[in-house]
Amino acid sequence: MGMSHTHFFTASDVIGTYKPQVFEPDGATGFKKTTPNYVYADYATAGICTSMGDMIKFIQALQKQELLSKESFRRLYTPLERVSGYTLGWEYRYKDGRLMAGHSGGLSVVVMHIPDTNTTSIFLSSAADESILNTATRLQKKP
């Protein structure tokens, strides 16, 4: 897919001088730069660092059935019968009767798909703060 700015990191990886970092709240006035444990693949929640351009390529490949069949992609946003709030791979919610399914990661990434229109929003930030999730969700809900 040509995703040349996407990397899978473990804590023992050294890629030049690069280390994945986020900005976490630091008191009432700002943020501090840190490399938390959860950014590495050694933990179940992380390990992939990417760019917006590569995320767009990934989502487009999903939408065009280049990675998954149409049926498998549909299952990603079909609510499970016995597990409220989750699909096969994503979380879901309804806004104004419209299904939205996606996922967030590290409190700094939100990907939300609207099946009715086959549109997806991607929100990336280096700030690890719950307000990021709220901002991204509000942006997706705009008409």
Protein backbone atom coordinates (compact mmCIF):
# COMPACT_ATOMS: atom_id res chain seq x y z
CA MET A 1 0.00 0.00 0.00
CA GLY A 2 3.02 2.28 0.03
CA MET A 3 2.78 3.11 3.74
CA SER A 4 6.41 4.22 4.04
CA HIS A 5 5.90 6.31 7.21
CA THR A 6 4.46 3.52 9.35
CA HIS A 7 6.67 1.60 11.79
CA PHE A 8 6.19 -1.10 14.39
CA PHE A 9 8.20 -0.35 17.55
CA THR A 10 9.27 -2.40 20.53
CA ALA A 11 11.08 -0.92 23.54
CA SER A 12 14.37 -2.44 22.33
CA ASP A 13 14.16 -0.89 18.85
CA VAL A 14 16.50 1.95 17.99
CA ILE A 15 15.63 3.91 14.88
CA GLY A 16 18.21 6.64 14.68
CA THR A 17 17.58 8.92 17.63
CA TYR A 18 13.81 8.63 17.28
CA LYS A 19 11.62 7.61 20.19
CA PRO A 20 7.83 7.79 20.06
CA GLN A 21 6.71 10.59 22.36
CA VAL A 22 3.48 12.13 23.53
CA PHE A 23 2.62 15.27 25.46
CA GLU A 24 0.88 14.52 28.75
CA PRO A 25 -0.84 17.11 30.95
CA ASP A 26 1.59 18.76 33.34
CA GLY A 27 -0.29 20.86 35.84
CA ALA A 28 -2.77 23.51 34.89
CA THR A 29 -0.51 25.34 32.47
CA GLY A 30 0.85 22.90 29.95
CA PHE A 31 2.19 19.56 28.84
CA LYS A 32 5.35 17.54 29.33
CA LYS A 33 7.00 15.40 26.63
CA THR A 34 7.36 11.74 27.59
CA THR A 35 7.78 8.28 26.10
CA PRO A 36 5.20 6.22 27.99
CA ASN A 37 5.34 2.42 28.06
CA TYR A 38 2.13 2.08 26.08
CA VAL A 39 3.66 3.39 22.85
CA TYR A 40 5.63 0.17 22.34
CA ALA A 41 4.46 -3.14 20.90
CA ASP A 42 5.63 -4.82 24.12
CA TYR A 43 2.25 -3.71 25.47
CA ALA A 44 -1.06 -4.86 23.98
CA THR A 45 -2.29 -1.36 23.20
CA ALA A 46 0.41 0.00 20.93
CA GLY A 47 3.48 -0.41 18.81
CA ILE A 48 2.53 1.30 15.58
CA CYS A 49 3.65 4.81 14.74
CA THR A 50 2.24 6.28 11.54
CA SER A 51 1.49 9.45 9.64
CA MET A 52 -1.80 10.94 8.51
CA GLY A 53 -0.95 10.12 4.90
CA ASP A 54 -0.38 6.47 5.72
CA MET A 55 -3.58 6.30 7.79
CA ILE A 56 -5.51 7.63 4.79
CA LYS A 57 -3.94 4.93 2.59
CA PHE A 58 -4.93 2.27 5.14
CA ILE A 59 -8.55 3.44 5.43
CA GLN A 60 -8.90 3.79 1.66
CA ALA A 61 -7.62 0.22 1.22
CA LEU A 62 -10.28 -0.96 3.69
CA GLN A 63 -13.02 0.99 1.92
CA LYS A 64 -11.97 -0.33 -1.52
CA GLN A 65 -11.83 -3.96 -0.26
CA GLU A 66 -8.08 -4.18 -0.96
CA LEU A 67 -7.35 -5.55 2.55
CA LEU A 68 -10.61 -7.21 3.52
CA SER A 69 -13.57 -8.45 1.57
CA LYS A 70 -16.68 -6.27 1.56
CA GLU A 71 -18.31 -8.71 4.02
CA SER A 72 -15.32 -8.69 6.41
CA PHE A 73 -15.17 -4.88 6.35
CA ARG A 74 -18.92 -4.76 7.08
CA ARG A 75 -18.34 -7.00 10.13
CA LEU A 76 -15.91 -4.39 11.52
CA TYR A 77 -18.83 -2.02 12.06
CA THR A 78 -21.70 -4.47 12.72
CA PRO A 79 -22.70 -4.40 16.42
CA LEU A 80 -22.23 -7.71 18.24
CA GLU A 81 -25.37 -9.31 19.64
CA ARG A 82 -24.20 -10.02 23.19
CA VAL A 83 -21.58 -7.31 23.71
CA SER A 84 -22.98 -3.81 23.97
CA GLY A 85 -20.88 -1.04 22.45
CA TYR A 86 -18.54 -3.25 20.42
CA THR A 87 -18.28 -4.67 16.93
CA LEU A 88 -15.81 -7.20 15.62
CA GLY A 89 -12.75 -5.00 16.06
CA TRP A 90 -14.18 -1.56 16.79
CA GLU A 91 -16.36 0.29 19.25
CA TYR A 92 -19.64 1.78 18.07
CA ARG A 93 -22.23 4.36 19.03
CA TYR A 94 -25.22 6.01 17.44
CA LYS A 95 -25.56 9.74 16.87
CA ASP A 96 -28.87 11.06 15.53
CA GLY A 97 -29.78 7.49 14.55
CA ARG A 98 -26.60 7.06 12.50
CA LEU A 99 -24.12 4.29 13.32
CA MET A 100 -20.51 5.37 13.90
CA ALA A 101 -17.83 2.72 14.49
CA GLY A 102 -14.13 3.11 15.11
CA HIS A 103 -11.44 3.07 17.72
CA SER A 104 -9.20 5.32 19.74
CA GLY A 105 -5.69 4.65 20.90
CA GLY A 106 -3.41 6.08 23.55
CA LEU A 107 -5.86 8.94 24.15
CA SER A 108 -4.36 10.63 21.09
CA VAL A 109 -5.83 8.84 18.07
CA VAL A 110 -9.45 8.51 16.97
CA VAL A 111 -10.63 6.76 13.79
CA MET A 112 -14.41 6.82 13.23
CA HIS A 113 -16.28 5.30 10.28
CA ILE A 114 -19.87 6.09 9.21
CA PRO A 115 -21.13 3.13 7.14
CA ASP A 116 -24.17 5.00 5.72
CA THR A 117 -21.89 7.34 3.79
CA ASN A 118 -18.72 5.18 3.71
CA THR A 119 -16.81 8.09 5.23
CA THR A 120 -14.08 7.89 7.84
CA SER A 121 -12.53 10.60 9.99
CA ILE A 122 -9.00 10.31 11.34
CA PHE A 123 -7.81 12.46 14.23
CA LEU A 124 -4.14 12.24 15.28
CA SER A 125 -2.52 14.15 18.11
CA SER A 126 0.61 13.82 20.19
CA ALA A 127 -1.24 14.97 23.31
CA ALA A 128 -2.28 12.12 25.60
CA ASP A 129 -5.36 13.68 27.15
CA GLU A 130 -9.00 12.65 27.30
CA SER A 131 -10.04 15.99 25.82
CA ILE A 132 -8.53 14.73 22.53
CA LEU A 133 -11.11 11.95 22.41
CA ASN A 134 -13.91 14.41 23.09
CA THR A 135 -12.68 16.82 20.40
CA ALA A 136 -12.34 14.08 17.79
CA THR A 137 -15.79 12.71 18.56
CA ARG A 138 -17.35 16.17 18.26
CA LEU A 139 -15.64 16.69 14.89
CA GLN A 140 -16.98 13.39 13.57
CA LYS A 141 -20.51 14.29 14.62
CA LYS A 142 -20.56 17.49 12.55
CA PRO A 143 -22.83 17.22 9.47
